[in-house]
Amino acid sequence: MSTFNFHGDINGPTNIGDHGRIEVNHGTDAAQSLRLAAELVERLRAENPPLVAQAEVVRGELARAEQEGAAPDRGRVRSALDTISVGVAAGSGGLALAQELSRVLGL
């Protein structure tokens, strides 16, 4: 059995996987996330207007979290991005942005 001692603050989601690999993600650049969310809203306005409301959920949640200095509601963001991913066409710019936001946010 191994023991890992972490001294100091550890923020963000962790991925403790096989073969002794440990990843600690120290959060994301809020400005980058908000830029991607705003771009997703605009892209969906052009490509798939019925999904704009879900993109607004993502952008609103990221803006709220930044304003309050808190973490975004990951479940809410993930749910909205999943809905967008299912509703947009494969290979579209909207899908690429939704996937990139998921990656950046570690979802």
N, C-alpha and C. Protein backbone atom coordinates (compact mmCIF):
# COMPACT_ATOMS: atom_id res chain seq x y z
N MET A 1 0.84 -1.18 0.00
CA MET A 1 0.00 0.00 0.00
C MET A 1 0.88 1.24 0.00
N SER A 2 0.49 2.22 -0.77
CA SER A 2 1.25 3.46 -0.87
C SER A 2 0.53 4.58 -0.16
N THR A 3 1.30 5.49 0.37
CA THR A 3 0.74 6.68 1.01
C THR A 3 1.26 7.90 0.27
N PHE A 4 0.34 8.80 -0.04
CA PHE A 4 0.72 10.03 -0.73
C PHE A 4 0.42 11.19 0.20
N ASN A 5 1.41 12.00 0.47
CA ASN A 5 1.23 13.16 1.32
C ASN A 5 1.29 14.41 0.46
N PHE A 6 0.24 15.20 0.51
CA PHE A 6 0.19 16.45 -0.22
C PHE A 6 0.26 17.58 0.80
N HIS A 7 1.23 18.43 0.67
CA HIS A 7 1.39 19.55 1.58
C HIS A 7 0.97 20.82 0.87
N GLY A 8 0.04 21.54 1.43
CA GLY A 8 -0.48 22.74 0.79
C GLY A 8 -1.82 22.45 0.16
N ASP A 9 -2.36 23.48 -0.47
CA ASP A 9 -3.68 23.37 -1.08
C ASP A 9 -3.61 22.61 -2.39
N ILE A 10 -4.57 21.74 -2.59
CA ILE A 10 -4.74 21.03 -3.85
C ILE A 10 -6.14 21.38 -4.34
N ASN A 11 -6.23 22.05 -5.49
CA ASN A 11 -7.51 22.47 -6.05
C ASN A 11 -7.76 21.76 -7.36
N GLY A 12 -9.02 21.55 -7.64
CA GLY A 12 -9.40 20.99 -8.93
C GLY A 12 -9.62 19.50 -8.85
N PRO A 13 -10.18 18.96 -9.93
CA PRO A 13 -10.45 17.53 -9.97
C PRO A 13 -9.15 16.74 -10.07
N THR A 14 -9.15 15.53 -9.57
CA THR A 14 -7.97 14.68 -9.65
C THR A 14 -8.29 13.43 -10.45
N ASN A 15 -7.28 12.86 -11.01
CA ASN A 15 -7.40 11.60 -11.72
C ASN A 15 -6.28 10.72 -11.22
N ILE A 16 -6.60 9.81 -10.32
CA ILE A 16 -5.61 8.88 -9.80
C ILE A 16 -5.85 7.56 -10.50
N GLY A 17 -4.99 7.26 -11.45
CA GLY A 17 -5.21 6.12 -12.31
C GLY A 17 -4.26 4.97 -12.05
N ASP A 18 -4.26 4.02 -12.96
CA ASP A 18 -3.41 2.84 -12.86
C ASP A 18 -1.95 3.20 -13.08
N HIS A 19 -1.09 2.31 -12.69
CA HIS A 19 0.34 2.42 -12.92
C HIS A 19 0.96 3.64 -12.23
N GLY A 20 0.41 4.05 -11.10
CA GLY A 20 0.99 5.12 -10.32
C GLY A 20 0.90 6.49 -10.93
N ARG A 21 0.05 6.67 -11.91
CA ARG A 21 -0.09 7.97 -12.57
C ARG A 21 -1.09 8.82 -11.80
N ILE A 22 -0.68 10.01 -11.42
CA ILE A 22 -1.56 10.93 -10.70
C ILE A 22 -1.60 12.24 -11.45
N GLU A 23 -2.80 12.69 -11.77
CA GLU A 23 -2.98 13.99 -12.41
C GLU A 23 -3.77 14.88 -11.48
N VAL A 24 -3.31 16.09 -11.30
CA VAL A 24 -4.08 17.08 -10.56
C VAL A 24 -4.25 18.28 -11.46
N ASN A 25 -5.50 18.58 -11.78
CA ASN A 25 -5.80 19.72 -12.64
C ASN A 25 -6.11 20.91 -11.75
N HIS A 26 -5.33 21.95 -11.86
CA HIS A 26 -5.45 23.11 -10.98
C HIS A 26 -6.42 24.15 -11.52
N GLY A 27 -7.52 23.72 -12.06
CA GLY A 27 -8.50 24.68 -12.55
C GLY A 27 -8.19 25.11 -13.97
N THR A 28 -9.03 25.97 -14.47
CA THR A 28 -8.88 26.42 -15.85
C THR A 28 -8.85 27.94 -15.87
N ASP A 29 -8.41 28.45 -16.97
CA ASP A 29 -8.42 29.88 -17.19
C ASP A 29 -9.86 30.31 -17.43
N ALA A 30 -10.44 31.05 -16.48
CA ALA A 30 -11.84 31.45 -16.58
C ALA A 30 -12.10 32.29 -17.82
N ALA A 31 -11.16 33.15 -18.18
CA ALA A 31 -11.34 33.99 -19.36
C ALA A 31 -11.40 33.14 -20.62
N GLN A 32 -10.56 32.11 -20.71
CA GLN A 32 -10.57 31.22 -21.87
C GLN A 32 -11.90 30.48 -21.94
N SER A 33 -12.37 29.98 -20.81
CA SER A 33 -13.64 29.26 -20.77
C SER A 33 -14.80 30.15 -21.20
N LEU A 34 -14.80 31.38 -20.72
CA LEU A 34 -15.87 32.32 -21.09
C LEU A 34 -15.81 32.68 -22.57
N ARG A 35 -14.61 32.83 -23.11
CA ARG A 35 -14.45 33.11 -24.55
C ARG A 35 -15.01 31.95 -25.38
N LEU A 36 -14.67 30.74 -24.98
CA LEU A 36 -15.17 29.58 -25.70
C LEU A 36 -16.70 29.48 -25.60
N ALA A 37 -17.24 29.76 -24.42
CA ALA A 37 -18.69 29.70 -24.23
C ALA A 37 -19.39 30.76 -25.07
N ALA A 38 -18.83 31.97 -25.13
CA ALA A 38 -19.42 33.03 -25.96
C ALA A 38 -19.36 32.66 -27.44
N GLU A 39 -18.24 32.06 -27.85
CA GLU A 39 -18.11 31.63 -29.24
C GLU A 39 -19.11 30.51 -29.55
N LEU A 40 -19.34 29.62 -28.58
CA LEU A 40 -20.32 28.55 -28.76
C LEU A 40 -21.72 29.12 -28.95
N VAL A 41 -22.08 30.13 -28.15
CA VAL A 41 -23.40 30.76 -28.30
C VAL A 41 -23.55 31.32 -29.70
N GLU A 42 -22.55 32.07 -30.16
CA GLU A 42 -22.64 32.69 -31.48
C GLU A 42 -22.66 31.65 -32.60
N ARG A 43 -21.87 30.61 -32.46
CA ARG A 43 -21.83 29.56 -33.48
C ARG A 43 -23.17 28.86 -33.57
N LEU A 44 -23.78 28.57 -32.42
CA LEU A 44 -25.06 27.88 -32.43
C LEU A 44 -26.19 28.78 -32.94
N ARG A 45 -26.07 30.10 -32.75
CA ARG A 45 -27.06 31.01 -33.33
C ARG A 45 -27.11 30.84 -34.84
N ALA A 46 -25.96 30.61 -35.44
CA ALA A 46 -25.88 30.45 -36.89
C ALA A 46 -26.19 29.03 -37.33
N GLU A 47 -25.70 28.03 -36.58
CA GLU A 47 -25.80 26.64 -37.01
C GLU A 47 -27.04 25.91 -36.50
N ASN A 48 -27.43 26.20 -35.26
CA ASN A 48 -28.48 25.40 -34.64
C ASN A 48 -29.19 26.22 -33.56
N PRO A 49 -30.05 27.17 -33.96
CA PRO A 49 -30.69 28.07 -33.00
C PRO A 49 -31.43 27.40 -31.84
N PRO A 50 -32.04 26.23 -32.01
CA PRO A 50 -32.72 25.63 -30.85
C PRO A 50 -31.79 25.28 -29.68
N LEU A 51 -30.48 25.19 -29.94
CA LEU A 51 -29.54 24.84 -28.87
C LEU A 51 -28.89 26.05 -28.21
N VAL A 52 -29.25 27.24 -28.65
CA VAL A 52 -28.66 28.46 -28.08
C VAL A 52 -28.95 28.55 -26.59
N ALA A 53 -30.13 28.15 -26.16
CA ALA A 53 -30.48 28.22 -24.73
C ALA A 53 -29.52 27.38 -23.89
N GLN A 54 -29.12 26.21 -24.39
CA GLN A 54 -28.18 25.37 -23.64
C GLN A 54 -26.79 26.02 -23.58
N ALA A 55 -26.39 26.65 -24.68
CA ALA A 55 -25.10 27.35 -24.69
C ALA A 55 -25.13 28.53 -23.73
N GLU A 56 -26.28 29.19 -23.63
CA GLU A 56 -26.43 30.30 -22.67
C GLU A 56 -26.34 29.80 -21.24
N VAL A 57 -26.83 28.59 -20.98
CA VAL A 57 -26.69 27.99 -19.65
C VAL A 57 -25.21 27.84 -19.29
N VAL A 58 -24.44 27.35 -20.24
CA VAL A 58 -23.00 27.17 -20.01
C VAL A 58 -22.34 28.52 -19.76
N ARG A 59 -22.59 29.48 -20.64
CA ARG A 59 -21.97 30.80 -20.49
C ARG A 59 -22.40 31.47 -19.19
N GLY A 60 -23.67 31.37 -18.87
CA GLY A 60 -24.17 31.98 -17.63
C GLY A 60 -23.56 31.36 -16.39
N GLU A 61 -23.42 30.06 -16.38
CA GLU A 61 -22.84 29.38 -15.22
C GLU A 61 -21.37 29.73 -15.05
N LEU A 62 -20.64 29.80 -16.16
CA LEU A 62 -19.23 30.18 -16.07
C LEU A 62 -19.08 31.63 -15.62
N ALA A 63 -19.94 32.51 -16.10
CA ALA A 63 -19.90 33.92 -15.69
C ALA A 63 -20.24 34.06 -14.21
N ARG A 64 -21.26 33.31 -13.75
CA ARG A 64 -21.64 33.36 -12.34
C ARG A 64 -20.49 32.89 -11.46
N ALA A 65 -19.85 31.80 -11.85
CA ALA A 65 -18.76 31.26 -11.06
C ALA A 65 -17.59 32.24 -10.99
N GLU A 66 -17.27 32.85 -12.11
CA GLU A 66 -16.16 33.82 -12.11
C GLU A 66 -16.50 35.03 -11.23
N GLN A 67 -17.72 35.51 -11.35
CA GLN A 67 -18.14 36.68 -10.57
C GLN A 67 -18.10 36.40 -9.07
N GLU A 68 -18.51 35.20 -8.69
CA GLU A 68 -18.55 34.83 -7.27
C GLU A 68 -17.23 34.26 -6.77
N GLY A 69 -16.28 34.04 -7.68
CA GLY A 69 -15.01 33.45 -7.29
C GLY A 69 -15.18 32.00 -6.84
N ALA A 70 -16.14 31.33 -7.44
CA ALA A 70 -16.45 29.95 -7.07
C ALA A 70 -16.27 29.04 -8.27
N ALA A 71 -16.38 27.76 -8.03
CA ALA A 71 -16.34 26.79 -9.12
C ALA A 71 -17.70 26.74 -9.80
N PRO A 72 -17.72 26.53 -11.11
CA PRO A 72 -19.01 26.38 -11.79
C PRO A 72 -19.69 25.09 -11.36
N ASP A 73 -20.99 25.06 -11.49
CA ASP A 73 -21.77 23.84 -11.23
C ASP A 73 -21.46 22.87 -12.37
N ARG A 74 -20.56 21.95 -12.10
CA ARG A 74 -20.07 21.04 -13.15
C ARG A 74 -21.19 20.18 -13.73
N GLY A 75 -22.12 19.76 -12.90
CA GLY A 75 -23.22 18.94 -13.39
C GLY A 75 -24.10 19.70 -14.37
N ARG A 76 -24.37 20.94 -14.04
CA ARG A 76 -25.20 21.78 -14.91
C ARG A 76 -24.51 22.04 -16.25
N VAL A 77 -23.21 22.37 -16.18
CA VAL A 77 -22.45 22.63 -17.39
C VAL A 77 -22.33 21.36 -18.23
N ARG A 78 -22.00 20.25 -17.59
CA ARG A 78 -21.86 18.98 -18.31
C ARG A 78 -23.17 18.60 -19.00
N SER A 79 -24.28 18.75 -18.29
CA SER A 79 -25.58 18.40 -18.87
C SER A 79 -25.88 19.24 -20.11
N ALA A 80 -25.62 20.55 -20.03
CA ALA A 80 -25.87 21.43 -21.17
C ALA A 80 -24.96 21.08 -22.34
N LEU A 81 -23.68 20.81 -22.06
CA LEU A 81 -22.74 20.46 -23.13
C LEU A 81 -23.10 19.11 -23.76
N ASP A 82 -23.57 18.17 -22.94
CA ASP A 82 -24.01 16.87 -23.49
C ASP A 82 -25.20 17.06 -24.42
N THR A 83 -26.15 17.90 -24.01
CA THR A 83 -27.32 18.17 -24.86
C THR A 83 -26.89 18.80 -26.18
N ILE A 84 -25.96 19.73 -26.11
CA ILE A 84 -25.46 20.37 -27.33
C ILE A 84 -24.76 19.34 -28.21
N SER A 85 -23.93 18.51 -27.62
CA SER A 85 -23.17 17.51 -28.39
C SER A 85 -24.09 16.54 -29.12
N VAL A 86 -25.19 16.18 -28.49
CA VAL A 86 -26.14 15.27 -29.12
C VAL A 86 -26.90 15.98 -30.24
N GLY A 87 -27.16 17.27 -30.08
CA GLY A 87 -28.01 17.99 -31.03
C GLY A 87 -27.32 18.58 -32.23
N VAL A 88 -26.00 18.71 -32.21
CA VAL A 88 -25.31 19.32 -33.36
C VAL A 88 -24.79 18.25 -34.29
N ALA A 89 -24.53 18.64 -35.51
CA ALA A 89 -24.05 17.70 -36.52
C ALA A 89 -22.59 17.34 -36.27
N ALA A 90 -22.27 16.09 -36.56
CA ALA A 90 -20.87 15.65 -36.45
C ALA A 90 -20.01 16.50 -37.37
N GLY A 91 -18.85 16.88 -36.88
CA GLY A 91 -17.93 17.67 -37.68
C GLY A 91 -18.24 19.15 -37.71
N SER A 92 -19.27 19.59 -36.99
CA SER A 92 -19.63 21.01 -37.01
C SER A 92 -18.76 21.80 -36.04
N GLY A 93 -18.75 23.10 -36.25
CA GLY A 93 -18.01 23.98 -35.35
C GLY A 93 -18.60 23.97 -33.95
N GLY A 94 -19.92 23.83 -33.85
CA GLY A 94 -20.57 23.78 -32.54
C GLY A 94 -20.12 22.57 -31.74
N LEU A 95 -20.01 21.43 -32.40
CA LEU A 95 -19.55 20.22 -31.71
C LEU A 95 -18.10 20.38 -31.27
N ALA A 96 -17.27 20.93 -32.12
CA ALA A 96 -15.86 21.14 -31.77
C ALA A 96 -15.73 22.06 -30.56
N LEU A 97 -16.52 23.11 -30.51
CA LEU A 97 -16.47 24.03 -29.37
C LEU A 97 -16.98 23.37 -28.09
N ALA A 98 -18.06 22.60 -28.18
CA ALA A 98 -18.60 21.90 -27.01
C ALA A 98 -17.56 20.92 -26.47
N GLN A 99 -16.91 20.20 -27.36
CA GLN A 99 -15.88 19.25 -26.93
C GLN A 99 -14.68 19.96 -26.30
N GLU A 100 -14.29 21.08 -26.88
CA GLU A 100 -13.15 21.83 -26.33
C GLU A 100 -13.49 22.37 -24.95
N LEU A 101 -14.71 22.88 -24.78
CA LEU A 101 -15.12 23.37 -23.46
C LEU A 101 -15.11 22.23 -22.44
N SER A 102 -15.59 21.07 -22.83
CA SER A 102 -15.56 19.91 -21.93
C SER A 102 -14.13 19.58 -21.54
N ARG A 103 -13.23 19.63 -22.51
CA ARG A 103 -11.82 19.34 -22.22
C ARG A 103 -11.20 20.37 -21.30
N VAL A 104 -11.44 21.64 -21.60
CA VAL A 104 -10.86 22.73 -20.80
C VAL A 104 -11.37 22.68 -19.36
N LEU A 105 -12.64 22.33 -19.20
CA LEU A 105 -13.24 22.29 -17.87
C LEU A 105 -13.02 20.95 -17.17
N GLY A 106 -12.41 20.00 -17.86
CA GLY A 106 -12.15 18.71 -17.25
C GLY A 106 -13.39 17.88 -17.02
N LEU A 107 -14.38 18.02 -17.91
CA LEU A 107 -15.63 17.29 -17.74
C LEU A 107 -15.63 15.98 -18.48
